[in-house]
Amino acid sequence: MSPRPPFRVGLGYDSHRLGNGGPLRIGGMDIPAEVHAIGHSDADVLLHAITDALLGSVAAPDIGRLFPDNATENRGRNSADFVAEAMHRVRSAGYELVNIDAVILAERPKMAPHIDDLRQTIGRMLDLPTDGVGLKAKTGETVGVIGQGAAIAARCVVMIQTRTSVG
C-alpha cells in the first residue's frame, strides 16, 4: 500500500435537461426562473458536481453508484444529502476539504446576481469560509444544448488535505 498523499484533488461534472416552470434548484437554493432541471432527485447540477468531485478526491464510488436514479428513496431527494455523504467519506478517509472551484454552465437564468449567495450557502454546507468557494457562471453563447437554453451543467474541482486533527 502506498503512503497517503498529503493533498488530493477531485473533479466533478453533471448536466440536466431543462423543462418549463421554475424555480431552478441550484447550489442548495431555489433560483427564480421560468425553467427547472429535470432529474430523479432535485436535479441540482451544482451540488451533484460538488458531490462527485468530493467522492473522486478519495476514490469513492460516484454519485450514480451511491444514489442510483432508479431507487425510490432518491426520487425528489435533496442533493444536500449527497454532499453530506461525500463529506463524510472525505473525513472518514482522514482528509479535510481545503477549497472548491466550480463553474455553472447555463444560458438562463442569469446566475451572476446569485453567485455571492450561492458561495455563502455552499460554504456553510461544506464548513468552508466563503473565500474557500470559487464559483463562476458561463453561458453557452448560443452554442449547443446549453447555449440554446435546453440544458444546464456544472463542473467542480476540489482540493483536500490530510487532516491535522481528529475530531
N, C-alpha and C. Protein backbone atom coordinates (compact mmCIF):
# COMPACT_ATOMS: atom_id res chain seq x y z
N MET A 1 0.85 -1.17 0.00
CA MET A 1 0.00 0.00 0.00
C MET A 1 0.90 1.24 0.00
N SER A 2 0.60 2.18 -0.89
CA SER A 2 1.41 3.39 -0.98
C SER A 2 1.04 4.36 0.14
N PRO A 3 1.99 5.22 0.54
CA PRO A 3 1.68 6.18 1.60
C PRO A 3 0.60 7.16 1.13
N ARG A 4 -0.19 7.61 2.08
CA ARG A 4 -1.28 8.52 1.77
C ARG A 4 -0.70 9.89 1.41
N PRO A 5 -1.06 10.44 0.24
CA PRO A 5 -0.54 11.76 -0.13
C PRO A 5 -1.16 12.86 0.75
N PRO A 6 -0.39 13.92 1.01
CA PRO A 6 -0.92 14.99 1.87
C PRO A 6 -2.04 15.79 1.20
N PHE A 7 -2.04 15.83 -0.12
CA PHE A 7 -3.09 16.54 -0.87
C PHE A 7 -3.64 15.64 -1.95
N ARG A 8 -4.92 15.82 -2.23
CA ARG A 8 -5.56 15.12 -3.33
C ARG A 8 -6.54 16.08 -3.98
N VAL A 9 -6.91 15.80 -5.22
CA VAL A 9 -7.92 16.60 -5.91
C VAL A 9 -9.01 15.69 -6.43
N GLY A 10 -10.16 16.28 -6.67
CA GLY A 10 -11.27 15.55 -7.26
C GLY A 10 -11.96 16.43 -8.28
N LEU A 11 -12.51 15.81 -9.31
CA LEU A 11 -13.19 16.52 -10.39
C LEU A 11 -14.61 16.00 -10.51
N GLY A 12 -15.57 16.92 -10.62
CA GLY A 12 -16.97 16.52 -10.76
C GLY A 12 -17.64 17.26 -11.90
N TYR A 13 -18.63 16.61 -12.49
CA TYR A 13 -19.40 17.19 -13.60
C TYR A 13 -20.82 16.64 -13.51
N ASP A 14 -21.79 17.47 -13.88
CA ASP A 14 -23.17 17.00 -14.01
C ASP A 14 -23.90 17.88 -15.00
N SER A 15 -24.93 17.34 -15.61
CA SER A 15 -25.79 18.10 -16.51
C SER A 15 -27.21 17.57 -16.43
N HIS A 16 -28.16 18.44 -16.69
CA HIS A 16 -29.58 18.06 -16.72
C HIS A 16 -30.30 18.84 -17.82
N ARG A 17 -31.32 18.21 -18.37
CA ARG A 17 -32.21 18.92 -19.29
C ARG A 17 -33.02 19.93 -18.50
N LEU A 18 -33.49 20.96 -19.17
CA LEU A 18 -34.35 21.96 -18.54
C LEU A 18 -35.77 21.81 -19.07
N GLY A 19 -36.75 22.01 -18.17
CA GLY A 19 -38.15 21.99 -18.54
C GLY A 19 -38.82 23.28 -18.12
N ASN A 20 -40.00 23.51 -18.63
CA ASN A 20 -40.74 24.72 -18.29
C ASN A 20 -41.20 24.70 -16.84
N GLY A 21 -41.27 25.87 -16.26
CA GLY A 21 -41.74 26.01 -14.89
C GLY A 21 -40.60 25.99 -13.90
N GLY A 22 -40.55 26.98 -13.05
CA GLY A 22 -39.47 27.08 -12.07
C GLY A 22 -40.00 26.79 -10.69
N PRO A 23 -39.19 27.01 -9.69
CA PRO A 23 -37.86 27.60 -9.73
C PRO A 23 -36.80 26.57 -10.13
N LEU A 24 -35.58 27.08 -10.31
CA LEU A 24 -34.44 26.23 -10.62
C LEU A 24 -33.67 25.99 -9.34
N ARG A 25 -33.49 24.74 -8.96
CA ARG A 25 -32.74 24.38 -7.75
C ARG A 25 -31.28 24.25 -8.12
N ILE A 26 -30.44 25.09 -7.53
CA ILE A 26 -29.02 25.03 -7.82
C ILE A 26 -28.22 25.49 -6.60
N GLY A 27 -27.20 24.73 -6.26
CA GLY A 27 -26.35 25.09 -5.13
C GLY A 27 -27.10 25.10 -3.81
N GLY A 28 -28.16 24.32 -3.71
CA GLY A 28 -28.96 24.26 -2.48
C GLY A 28 -29.94 25.40 -2.35
N MET A 29 -30.10 26.20 -3.41
CA MET A 29 -31.03 27.34 -3.37
C MET A 29 -32.04 27.21 -4.51
N ASP A 30 -33.22 27.78 -4.28
CA ASP A 30 -34.21 27.90 -5.34
C ASP A 30 -34.02 29.26 -5.99
N ILE A 31 -33.64 29.25 -7.28
CA ILE A 31 -33.40 30.46 -8.04
C ILE A 31 -34.67 30.76 -8.85
N PRO A 32 -35.21 31.97 -8.73
CA PRO A 32 -36.39 32.30 -9.53
C PRO A 32 -36.07 32.14 -11.02
N ALA A 33 -36.89 31.37 -11.71
CA ALA A 33 -36.66 31.11 -13.12
C ALA A 33 -37.94 30.57 -13.74
N GLU A 34 -37.98 30.61 -15.04
CA GLU A 34 -39.11 30.03 -15.78
C GLU A 34 -38.83 28.59 -16.18
N VAL A 35 -37.70 28.05 -15.70
CA VAL A 35 -37.30 26.69 -16.01
C VAL A 35 -36.88 25.96 -14.74
N HIS A 36 -36.87 24.64 -14.82
CA HIS A 36 -36.35 23.81 -13.74
C HIS A 36 -35.54 22.68 -14.38
N ALA A 37 -34.63 22.11 -13.62
CA ALA A 37 -33.85 20.99 -14.11
C ALA A 37 -34.64 19.71 -13.93
N ILE A 38 -34.57 18.85 -14.91
CA ILE A 38 -35.30 17.58 -14.90
C ILE A 38 -34.37 16.49 -14.41
N GLY A 39 -34.78 15.79 -13.37
CA GLY A 39 -33.95 14.72 -12.84
C GLY A 39 -34.70 13.91 -11.81
N HIS A 40 -34.10 12.83 -11.37
CA HIS A 40 -34.74 11.93 -10.42
C HIS A 40 -34.76 12.54 -9.02
N SER A 41 -33.64 13.14 -8.60
CA SER A 41 -33.60 13.81 -7.30
C SER A 41 -34.08 15.24 -7.52
N ASP A 42 -33.56 16.20 -6.76
CA ASP A 42 -33.94 17.60 -7.01
C ASP A 42 -33.20 18.19 -8.21
N ALA A 43 -32.34 17.40 -8.85
CA ALA A 43 -31.64 17.77 -10.09
C ALA A 43 -30.75 19.00 -9.94
N ASP A 44 -30.12 19.13 -8.78
CA ASP A 44 -29.24 20.26 -8.50
C ASP A 44 -27.87 19.97 -9.11
N VAL A 45 -27.62 20.47 -10.32
CA VAL A 45 -26.38 20.14 -11.04
C VAL A 45 -25.13 20.57 -10.28
N LEU A 46 -25.20 21.70 -9.61
CA LEU A 46 -24.01 22.18 -8.90
C LEU A 46 -23.67 21.27 -7.73
N LEU A 47 -24.67 20.91 -6.92
CA LEU A 47 -24.39 20.01 -5.79
C LEU A 47 -24.00 18.62 -6.28
N HIS A 48 -24.52 18.18 -7.42
CA HIS A 48 -24.12 16.88 -7.96
C HIS A 48 -22.66 16.92 -8.40
N ALA A 49 -22.23 18.00 -9.04
CA ALA A 49 -20.84 18.13 -9.46
C ALA A 49 -19.92 18.20 -8.24
N ILE A 50 -20.34 18.94 -7.22
CA ILE A 50 -19.55 19.02 -5.98
C ILE A 50 -19.44 17.64 -5.33
N THR A 51 -20.56 16.92 -5.28
CA THR A 51 -20.56 15.58 -4.69
C THR A 51 -19.58 14.67 -5.40
N ASP A 52 -19.63 14.64 -6.73
CA ASP A 52 -18.73 13.76 -7.47
C ASP A 52 -17.27 14.19 -7.32
N ALA A 53 -17.01 15.49 -7.22
CA ALA A 53 -15.63 15.94 -7.00
C ALA A 53 -15.13 15.46 -5.65
N LEU A 54 -15.95 15.60 -4.62
CA LEU A 54 -15.57 15.13 -3.28
C LEU A 54 -15.34 13.63 -3.28
N LEU A 55 -16.26 12.89 -3.87
CA LEU A 55 -16.12 11.43 -3.92
C LEU A 55 -14.87 11.03 -4.70
N GLY A 56 -14.62 11.70 -5.81
CA GLY A 56 -13.45 11.39 -6.62
C GLY A 56 -12.15 11.66 -5.90
N SER A 57 -12.16 12.66 -5.02
CA SER A 57 -10.92 13.01 -4.32
C SER A 57 -10.44 11.89 -3.40
N VAL A 58 -11.33 11.00 -2.98
CA VAL A 58 -10.95 9.87 -2.13
C VAL A 58 -11.20 8.53 -2.84
N ALA A 59 -11.36 8.60 -4.17
CA ALA A 59 -11.56 7.41 -5.00
C ALA A 59 -12.76 6.57 -4.54
N ALA A 60 -13.81 7.24 -4.09
CA ALA A 60 -15.05 6.57 -3.68
C ALA A 60 -15.94 6.36 -4.91
N PRO A 61 -16.93 5.49 -4.82
CA PRO A 61 -17.87 5.34 -5.94
C PRO A 61 -18.56 6.67 -6.24
N ASP A 62 -18.96 6.86 -7.50
CA ASP A 62 -19.58 8.13 -7.89
C ASP A 62 -21.02 8.22 -7.42
N ILE A 63 -21.61 9.39 -7.62
CA ILE A 63 -22.96 9.69 -7.15
C ILE A 63 -23.99 8.71 -7.71
N GLY A 64 -23.82 8.31 -8.96
CA GLY A 64 -24.77 7.39 -9.58
C GLY A 64 -24.74 6.00 -8.96
N ARG A 65 -23.60 5.58 -8.49
CA ARG A 65 -23.49 4.27 -7.84
C ARG A 65 -23.98 4.33 -6.40
N LEU A 66 -23.73 5.46 -5.71
CA LEU A 66 -24.17 5.57 -4.32
C LEU A 66 -25.66 5.91 -4.19
N PHE A 67 -26.16 6.70 -5.14
CA PHE A 67 -27.55 7.17 -5.09
C PHE A 67 -28.20 6.95 -6.45
N PRO A 68 -28.47 5.69 -6.82
CA PRO A 68 -28.97 5.39 -8.17
C PRO A 68 -30.29 6.10 -8.47
N ASP A 69 -30.44 6.48 -9.74
CA ASP A 69 -31.65 7.20 -10.14
C ASP A 69 -32.86 6.29 -10.30
N ASN A 70 -32.68 5.01 -10.13
CA ASN A 70 -33.83 4.10 -10.17
C ASN A 70 -34.27 3.69 -8.76
N ALA A 71 -33.66 4.28 -7.73
CA ALA A 71 -34.03 3.97 -6.34
C ALA A 71 -35.12 4.92 -5.87
N THR A 72 -36.19 4.36 -5.41
CA THR A 72 -37.35 5.16 -4.97
C THR A 72 -36.96 6.19 -3.92
N GLU A 73 -36.07 5.83 -2.99
CA GLU A 73 -35.72 6.76 -1.92
C GLU A 73 -34.97 8.00 -2.42
N ASN A 74 -34.51 7.97 -3.67
CA ASN A 74 -33.80 9.13 -4.21
C ASN A 74 -34.69 10.04 -5.05
N ARG A 75 -35.95 9.64 -5.26
CA ARG A 75 -36.87 10.48 -6.04
C ARG A 75 -37.13 11.77 -5.28
N GLY A 76 -36.81 12.91 -5.92
CA GLY A 76 -37.03 14.22 -5.32
C GLY A 76 -36.10 14.53 -4.15
N ARG A 77 -35.13 13.69 -3.91
CA ARG A 77 -34.26 13.84 -2.74
C ARG A 77 -33.42 15.12 -2.81
N ASN A 78 -33.21 15.72 -1.66
CA ASN A 78 -32.41 16.93 -1.54
C ASN A 78 -30.94 16.57 -1.77
N SER A 79 -30.32 17.22 -2.73
CA SER A 79 -28.94 16.92 -3.07
C SER A 79 -27.96 17.26 -1.95
N ALA A 80 -28.38 18.05 -0.98
CA ALA A 80 -27.52 18.32 0.18
C ALA A 80 -27.22 17.01 0.91
N ASP A 81 -28.12 16.03 0.83
CA ASP A 81 -27.86 14.70 1.42
C ASP A 81 -26.67 14.03 0.74
N PHE A 82 -26.55 14.20 -0.57
CA PHE A 82 -25.45 13.60 -1.32
C PHE A 82 -24.13 14.25 -0.91
N VAL A 83 -24.15 15.59 -0.78
CA VAL A 83 -22.95 16.32 -0.38
C VAL A 83 -22.52 15.87 1.02
N ALA A 84 -23.49 15.73 1.93
CA ALA A 84 -23.18 15.32 3.31
C ALA A 84 -22.51 13.95 3.32
N GLU A 85 -23.01 13.01 2.52
CA GLU A 85 -22.40 11.68 2.47
C GLU A 85 -20.99 11.76 1.88
N ALA A 86 -20.81 12.56 0.86
CA ALA A 86 -19.48 12.70 0.26
C ALA A 86 -18.50 13.31 1.26
N MET A 87 -18.94 14.32 2.01
CA MET A 87 -18.07 14.92 3.02
C MET A 87 -17.74 13.91 4.12
N HIS A 88 -18.70 13.08 4.49
CA HIS A 88 -18.46 12.03 5.47
C HIS A 88 -17.35 11.09 4.98
N ARG A 89 -17.39 10.74 3.72
CA ARG A 89 -16.37 9.84 3.16
C ARG A 89 -15.00 10.50 3.11
N VAL A 90 -14.97 11.79 2.80
CA VAL A 90 -13.69 12.52 2.81
C VAL A 90 -13.10 12.51 4.22
N ARG A 91 -13.92 12.84 5.21
CA ARG A 91 -13.44 12.88 6.60
C ARG A 91 -13.05 11.50 7.10
N SER A 92 -13.83 10.49 6.73
CA SER A 92 -13.54 9.12 7.16
C SER A 92 -12.23 8.60 6.57
N ALA A 93 -11.85 9.15 5.43
CA ALA A 93 -10.60 8.75 4.80
C ALA A 93 -9.41 9.51 5.40
N GLY A 94 -9.69 10.40 6.37
CA GLY A 94 -8.62 11.13 7.04
C GLY A 94 -8.25 12.45 6.41
N TYR A 95 -9.14 12.99 5.60
CA TYR A 95 -8.87 14.25 4.92
C TYR A 95 -9.86 15.33 5.33
N GLU A 96 -9.51 16.57 5.01
CA GLU A 96 -10.42 17.70 5.17
C GLU A 96 -10.41 18.50 3.88
N LEU A 97 -11.50 19.17 3.63
CA LEU A 97 -11.64 19.96 2.42
C LEU A 97 -10.86 21.26 2.55
N VAL A 98 -10.08 21.59 1.54
CA VAL A 98 -9.31 22.84 1.51
C VAL A 98 -10.12 23.92 0.79
N ASN A 99 -10.54 23.62 -0.44
CA ASN A 99 -11.33 24.57 -1.21
C ASN A 99 -12.01 23.87 -2.38
N ILE A 100 -12.96 24.58 -2.97
CA ILE A 100 -13.59 24.11 -4.20
C ILE A 100 -13.57 25.25 -5.21
N ASP A 101 -13.65 24.88 -6.46
CA ASP A 101 -13.82 25.85 -7.54
C ASP A 101 -14.80 25.23 -8.52
N ALA A 102 -15.84 25.97 -8.85
CA ALA A 102 -16.90 25.42 -9.69
C ALA A 102 -17.34 26.42 -10.74
N VAL A 103 -17.92 25.88 -11.80
CA VAL A 103 -18.47 26.69 -12.89
C VAL A 103 -19.88 26.17 -13.18
N ILE A 104 -20.85 27.08 -13.23
CA ILE A 104 -22.21 26.76 -13.67
C ILE A 104 -22.28 27.14 -15.14
N LEU A 105 -22.77 26.24 -15.97
CA LEU A 105 -22.92 26.50 -17.40
C LEU A 105 -24.41 26.57 -17.71
N ALA A 106 -24.89 27.80 -17.94
CA ALA A 106 -26.33 27.99 -18.16
C ALA A 106 -26.57 29.24 -18.99
N GLU A 107 -27.40 29.13 -19.98
CA GLU A 107 -27.80 30.29 -20.76
C GLU A 107 -28.83 31.11 -20.00
N ARG A 108 -29.69 30.39 -19.30
CA ARG A 108 -30.73 31.04 -18.50
C ARG A 108 -31.04 30.20 -17.29
N PRO A 109 -31.43 30.75 -16.19
CA PRO A 109 -31.45 32.18 -15.89
C PRO A 109 -30.02 32.69 -15.68
N LYS A 110 -29.88 33.99 -15.68
CA LYS A 110 -28.56 34.57 -15.42
C LYS A 110 -28.19 34.29 -13.97
N MET A 111 -27.01 33.76 -13.75
CA MET A 111 -26.56 33.36 -12.42
C MET A 111 -25.81 34.45 -11.67
N ALA A 112 -25.25 35.42 -12.37
CA ALA A 112 -24.41 36.44 -11.73
C ALA A 112 -25.06 37.07 -10.50
N PRO A 113 -26.35 37.40 -10.52
CA PRO A 113 -26.94 38.02 -9.33
C PRO A 113 -27.00 37.10 -8.11
N HIS A 114 -26.78 35.80 -8.30
CA HIS A 114 -26.93 34.82 -7.22
C HIS A 114 -25.60 34.25 -6.73
N ILE A 115 -24.50 34.60 -7.39
CA ILE A 115 -23.20 33.98 -7.08
C ILE A 115 -22.81 34.16 -5.62
N ASP A 116 -22.91 35.37 -5.09
CA ASP A 116 -22.48 35.60 -3.70
C ASP A 116 -23.30 34.78 -2.71
N ASP A 117 -24.62 34.73 -2.90
CA ASP A 117 -25.48 33.93 -2.02
C ASP A 117 -25.16 32.44 -2.16
N LEU A 118 -24.91 32.00 -3.38
CA LEU A 118 -24.56 30.60 -3.60
C LEU A 118 -23.25 30.24 -2.91
N ARG A 119 -22.26 31.11 -3.00
CA ARG A 119 -20.98 30.85 -2.34
C ARG A 119 -21.16 30.72 -0.83
N GLN A 120 -21.97 31.57 -0.25
CA GLN A 120 -22.21 31.51 1.19
C GLN A 120 -22.95 30.22 1.57
N THR A 121 -23.97 29.88 0.79
CA THR A 121 -24.75 28.66 1.06
C THR A 121 -23.87 27.42 0.97
N ILE A 122 -23.07 27.34 -0.08
CA ILE A 122 -22.19 26.19 -0.26
C ILE A 122 -21.12 26.16 0.82
N GLY A 123 -20.59 27.32 1.17
CA GLY A 123 -19.59 27.39 2.24
C GLY A 123 -20.13 26.84 3.55
N ARG A 124 -21.37 27.22 3.89
CA ARG A 124 -21.99 26.69 5.12
C ARG A 124 -22.17 25.18 5.02
N MET A 125 -22.59 24.70 3.86
CA MET A 125 -22.84 23.28 3.66
C MET A 125 -21.55 22.47 3.81
N LEU A 126 -20.43 23.04 3.36
CA LEU A 126 -19.16 22.32 3.34
C LEU A 126 -18.25 22.70 4.51
N ASP A 127 -18.74 23.58 5.38
CA ASP A 127 -17.95 24.08 6.51
C ASP A 127 -16.66 24.74 6.02
N LEU A 128 -16.82 25.57 4.99
CA LEU A 128 -15.70 26.31 4.41
C LEU A 128 -15.98 27.80 4.52
N PRO A 129 -14.96 28.62 4.69
CA PRO A 129 -15.18 30.06 4.60
C PRO A 129 -15.56 30.42 3.16
N THR A 130 -16.26 31.51 2.99
CA THR A 130 -16.70 31.90 1.65
C THR A 130 -15.54 32.02 0.69
N ASP A 131 -14.38 32.46 1.16
CA ASP A 131 -13.24 32.59 0.25
C ASP A 131 -12.63 31.24 -0.12
N GLY A 132 -13.17 30.16 0.41
CA GLY A 132 -12.77 28.81 0.02
C GLY A 132 -13.68 28.22 -1.05
N VAL A 133 -14.66 29.04 -1.50
CA VAL A 133 -15.62 28.59 -2.51
C VAL A 133 -15.51 29.50 -3.73
N GLY A 134 -14.85 29.01 -4.75
CA GLY A 134 -14.80 29.73 -6.02
C GLY A 134 -15.99 29.32 -6.86
N LEU A 135 -16.68 30.28 -7.46
CA LEU A 135 -17.86 29.97 -8.26
C LEU A 135 -18.01 30.99 -9.37
N LYS A 136 -18.16 30.49 -10.56
CA LYS A 136 -18.38 31.32 -11.73
C LYS A 136 -19.57 30.78 -12.50
N ALA A 137 -20.11 31.61 -13.39
CA ALA A 137 -21.18 31.18 -14.27
C ALA A 137 -20.83 31.59 -15.70
N LYS A 138 -21.09 30.72 -16.62
CA LYS A 138 -20.82 30.98 -18.03
C LYS A 138 -22.04 30.60 -18.84
N THR A 139 -22.28 31.34 -19.92
CA THR A 139 -23.34 30.97 -20.84
C THR A 139 -22.73 30.09 -21.93
N GLY A 140 -23.56 29.56 -22.75
CA GLY A 140 -23.08 28.76 -23.88
C GLY A 140 -22.93 29.57 -25.14
N GLU A 141 -23.15 30.90 -25.06
CA GLU A 141 -23.01 31.77 -26.24
C GLU A 141 -23.81 31.22 -27.42
N THR A 142 -25.01 30.72 -27.14
CA THR A 142 -25.97 30.16 -28.11
C THR A 142 -25.48 28.88 -28.80
N VAL A 143 -24.39 28.27 -28.30
CA VAL A 143 -23.84 27.05 -28.91
C VAL A 143 -24.30 25.83 -28.12
N GLY A 144 -24.76 24.80 -28.81
CA GLY A 144 -25.14 23.54 -28.18
C GLY A 144 -26.37 23.64 -27.31
N VAL A 145 -26.67 22.55 -26.60
CA VAL A 145 -27.89 22.49 -25.80
C VAL A 145 -27.87 23.48 -24.64
N ILE A 146 -26.69 23.76 -24.09
CA ILE A 146 -26.62 24.75 -23.01
C ILE A 146 -26.88 26.14 -23.59
N GLY A 147 -26.20 26.48 -24.66
CA GLY A 147 -26.36 27.79 -25.28
C GLY A 147 -27.76 28.04 -25.83
N GLN A 148 -28.46 26.96 -26.16
CA GLN A 148 -29.82 27.09 -26.66
C GLN A 148 -30.84 27.07 -25.52
N GLY A 149 -30.36 26.97 -24.27
CA GLY A 149 -31.24 27.02 -23.12
C GLY A 149 -32.00 25.73 -22.85
N ALA A 150 -31.54 24.61 -23.43
CA ALA A 150 -32.23 23.33 -23.24
C ALA A 150 -31.63 22.51 -22.10
N ALA A 151 -30.46 22.93 -21.58
CA ALA A 151 -29.79 22.15 -20.54
C ALA A 151 -28.97 23.08 -19.66
N ILE A 152 -28.57 22.55 -18.53
CA ILE A 152 -27.70 23.24 -17.59
C ILE A 152 -26.65 22.24 -17.14
N ALA A 153 -25.46 22.73 -16.81
CA ALA A 153 -24.38 21.84 -16.38
C ALA A 153 -23.53 22.55 -15.34
N ALA A 154 -22.70 21.77 -14.66
CA ALA A 154 -21.76 22.33 -13.70
C ALA A 154 -20.52 21.46 -13.67
N ARG A 155 -19.39 22.13 -13.44
CA ARG A 155 -18.10 21.45 -13.26
C ARG A 155 -17.52 21.92 -11.94
N CYS A 156 -16.79 21.03 -11.27
CA CYS A 156 -16.23 21.38 -9.98
C CYS A 156 -14.93 20.63 -9.76
N VAL A 157 -13.97 21.31 -9.14
CA VAL A 157 -12.74 20.68 -8.69
C VAL A 157 -12.60 20.99 -7.21
N VAL A 158 -12.14 20.01 -6.44
CA VAL A 158 -11.91 20.20 -5.01
C VAL A 158 -10.48 19.83 -4.68
N MET A 159 -9.98 20.43 -3.61
CA MET A 159 -8.68 20.02 -3.06
C MET A 159 -8.93 19.62 -1.61
N ILE A 160 -8.36 18.48 -1.24
CA ILE A 160 -8.43 18.02 0.14
C ILE A 160 -7.01 17.84 0.65
N GLN A 161 -6.86 17.88 1.97
CA GLN A 161 -5.55 17.65 2.58
C GLN A 161 -5.72 16.72 3.77
N THR A 162 -4.64 16.08 4.14
CA THR A 162 -4.65 15.23 5.32
C THR A 162 -5.10 16.05 6.52
N ARG A 163 -5.99 15.48 7.30
CA ARG A 163 -6.48 16.19 8.49
C ARG A 163 -5.37 16.35 9.49
N THR A 164 -5.29 17.56 10.04
CA THR A 164 -4.25 17.81 11.04
C THR A 164 -4.70 17.44 12.44
N SER A 165 -6.01 17.39 12.64
CA SER A 165 -6.53 16.98 13.94
C SER A 165 -7.76 16.13 13.72
N VAL A 166 -7.98 15.20 14.59
CA VAL A 166 -9.14 14.33 14.50
C VAL A 166 -10.22 14.89 15.42
N GLY A 167 -11.43 14.95 14.89
CA GLY A 167 -12.50 15.46 15.73
C GLY A 167 -13.72 15.79 15.00
